[in-house]
Each structure stands twice: as C-alpha cells, then as structure tokens.
Protein backbone atom coordinates (compact mmCIF):
# COMPACT_ATOMS: atom_id res chain seq x y z
CA MET A 1 78.50 -18.46 47.99
CA ALA A 2 81.24 -20.76 46.31
CA ASP A 3 79.04 -23.71 46.79
CA GLY A 4 76.05 -21.97 45.34
CA VAL A 5 78.01 -21.34 42.14
CA ASN A 6 79.72 -24.82 42.11
CA ARG A 7 75.89 -26.44 42.33
CA PHE A 8 74.69 -24.02 39.48
CA LEU A 9 77.52 -24.83 37.41
CA GLY A 10 77.71 -28.45 38.10
CA ASP A 11 81.42 -28.21 38.90
CA THR A 12 84.00 -25.66 39.87
CA PRO A 13 84.11 -22.60 37.65
CA GLY A 14 87.59 -23.54 36.11
CA ARG A 15 86.73 -26.90 35.28
CA THR A 16 83.47 -25.81 33.68
CA ILE A 17 85.32 -23.18 31.53
CA VAL A 18 87.70 -25.92 30.43
CA LYS A 19 84.87 -28.35 29.47
CA LEU A 20 82.91 -25.61 27.84
CA ILE A 21 86.28 -24.77 25.71
CA VAL A 22 86.61 -28.27 24.86
CA VAL A 23 82.92 -28.69 23.70
CA CYS A 24 83.28 -25.48 21.66
CA LEU A 25 86.17 -26.57 19.74
CA ILE A 26 84.55 -29.87 18.96
CA VAL A 27 81.31 -28.31 17.97
CA GLY A 28 83.09 -25.82 15.95
CA PHE A 29 85.14 -28.23 14.11
CA VAL A 30 82.30 -30.52 13.00
CA LEU A 31 80.39 -27.33 12.08
CA ALA A 32 83.46 -26.11 9.92
CA PHE A 33 83.65 -29.62 8.33
CA PHE A 34 80.01 -29.20 6.88
CA GLY A 35 80.78 -25.83 5.51
CA PHE A 36 79.10 -23.53 8.31
CA THR A 37 80.38 -20.25 9.40
CA PRO A 38 79.36 -17.99 12.13
CA ASP A 39 78.15 -15.46 9.29
CA ASN A 40 76.28 -18.18 7.52
CA ILE A 41 74.41 -19.27 10.98
CA VAL A 42 73.71 -15.71 12.00
CA ASP A 43 72.28 -14.86 8.48
CA SER A 44 70.24 -17.96 8.22
CA ILE A 45 68.56 -17.20 11.72
CA ARG A 46 68.10 -13.58 10.71
CA TYR A 47 66.47 -14.43 7.30
CA HIS A 48 64.39 -17.10 8.93
CA VAL A 49 62.95 -14.55 11.58
CA LEU A 50 62.13 -12.02 8.94
CA ASP A 51 60.38 -14.83 6.88
CA LEU A 52 58.32 -15.64 9.72
CA TRP A 53 57.48 -11.82 10.32
CA TYR A 54 56.50 -11.26 6.56
CA ASN A 55 54.48 -14.46 6.21
CA GLY A 56 52.81 -13.69 9.77
CA PHE A 57 51.60 -10.29 8.41
CA ARG A 58 50.56 -11.93 5.01
CA ALA A 59 48.40 -14.57 6.67
CA LEU A 60 46.77 -11.82 8.80
CA GLY A 61 45.92 -9.93 5.48
CA ARG A 62 44.41 -13.28 4.08
CA VAL A 63 41.91 -13.41 7.49
CA GLY A 64 41.34 -9.92 6.85
CA SER A 65 40.06 -10.80 3.10
CA TYR A 66 38.39 -13.70 4.56
CA LEU A 67 36.79 -11.70 7.01
CA LEU A 68 35.42 -9.18 4.26
CA LEU A 69 34.27 -11.76 2.05
CA GLY A 70 32.12 -13.40 4.60
CA ALA A 71 30.86 -10.06 5.89
CA ILE A 72 29.52 -9.21 2.44
CA VAL A 73 27.31 -12.26 2.60
CA VAL A 74 26.44 -12.60 6.38
CA ILE A 75 25.67 -9.10 7.29
CA PRO A 76 23.08 -8.41 4.50
CA VAL A 77 21.39 -11.87 5.25
CA PHE A 78 21.69 -10.93 9.20
CA ILE A 79 19.81 -7.58 8.44
CA ILE A 80 17.13 -9.21 6.43
CA LEU A 81 16.49 -11.87 9.00
CA ARG A 82 16.42 -9.28 11.62
CA ILE A 83 13.85 -7.03 9.64
CA PHE A 84 11.54 -10.10 8.93
CA SER A 85 11.70 -10.98 12.80
CA TYR A 86 11.10 -7.40 13.69
CA ARG A 87 7.50 -7.61 12.00
CA ARG A 88 6.35 -10.09 13.91
C-alpha cells in the first residue's frame, strides 16, 4: 500500500508535504507582492461565475427574442405556402 501512495504522490508523503509547503510559501509571497489576498481571489472567482451565470441567461433571452421575431415572419409564410400547395 505504501508503494502505491508513493507512486501516486511522486515521493514519500513527508517529502511531498515539505515540497508543497515550500511551493505554497513562494506562491503566497509572489501573490502578496502583487497585492492579491485570499478574499480578493475568492471574490473575483465568485463574481466571474455570477457574471457568466447572468450573461448566459441574458443570451438565452436574446435567443428567445430572435426565435419569436423569426416566427412572426416564418410561420405565416409557411401557412400560406401550405394552403397554396394543398389546393393542387
């Protein structure tokens, strides 16, 4: 079992934890240098997801209006063509 864990992690669990801590400290330092905070990152992701959500439904609303606009022209023309072809 330990061999499977080592293979999954790429090294022993202890060494992997130490490597992850070092990388987290370096990345945290760089992000803090550029002014990022954990709240800032989480809020940015949250606002991005909400923006995609609302814009997605707005786009669906536009598709619905395009569908209705096209139907105002296409359905009467279709009915008229069917009536004229029915007489033959």
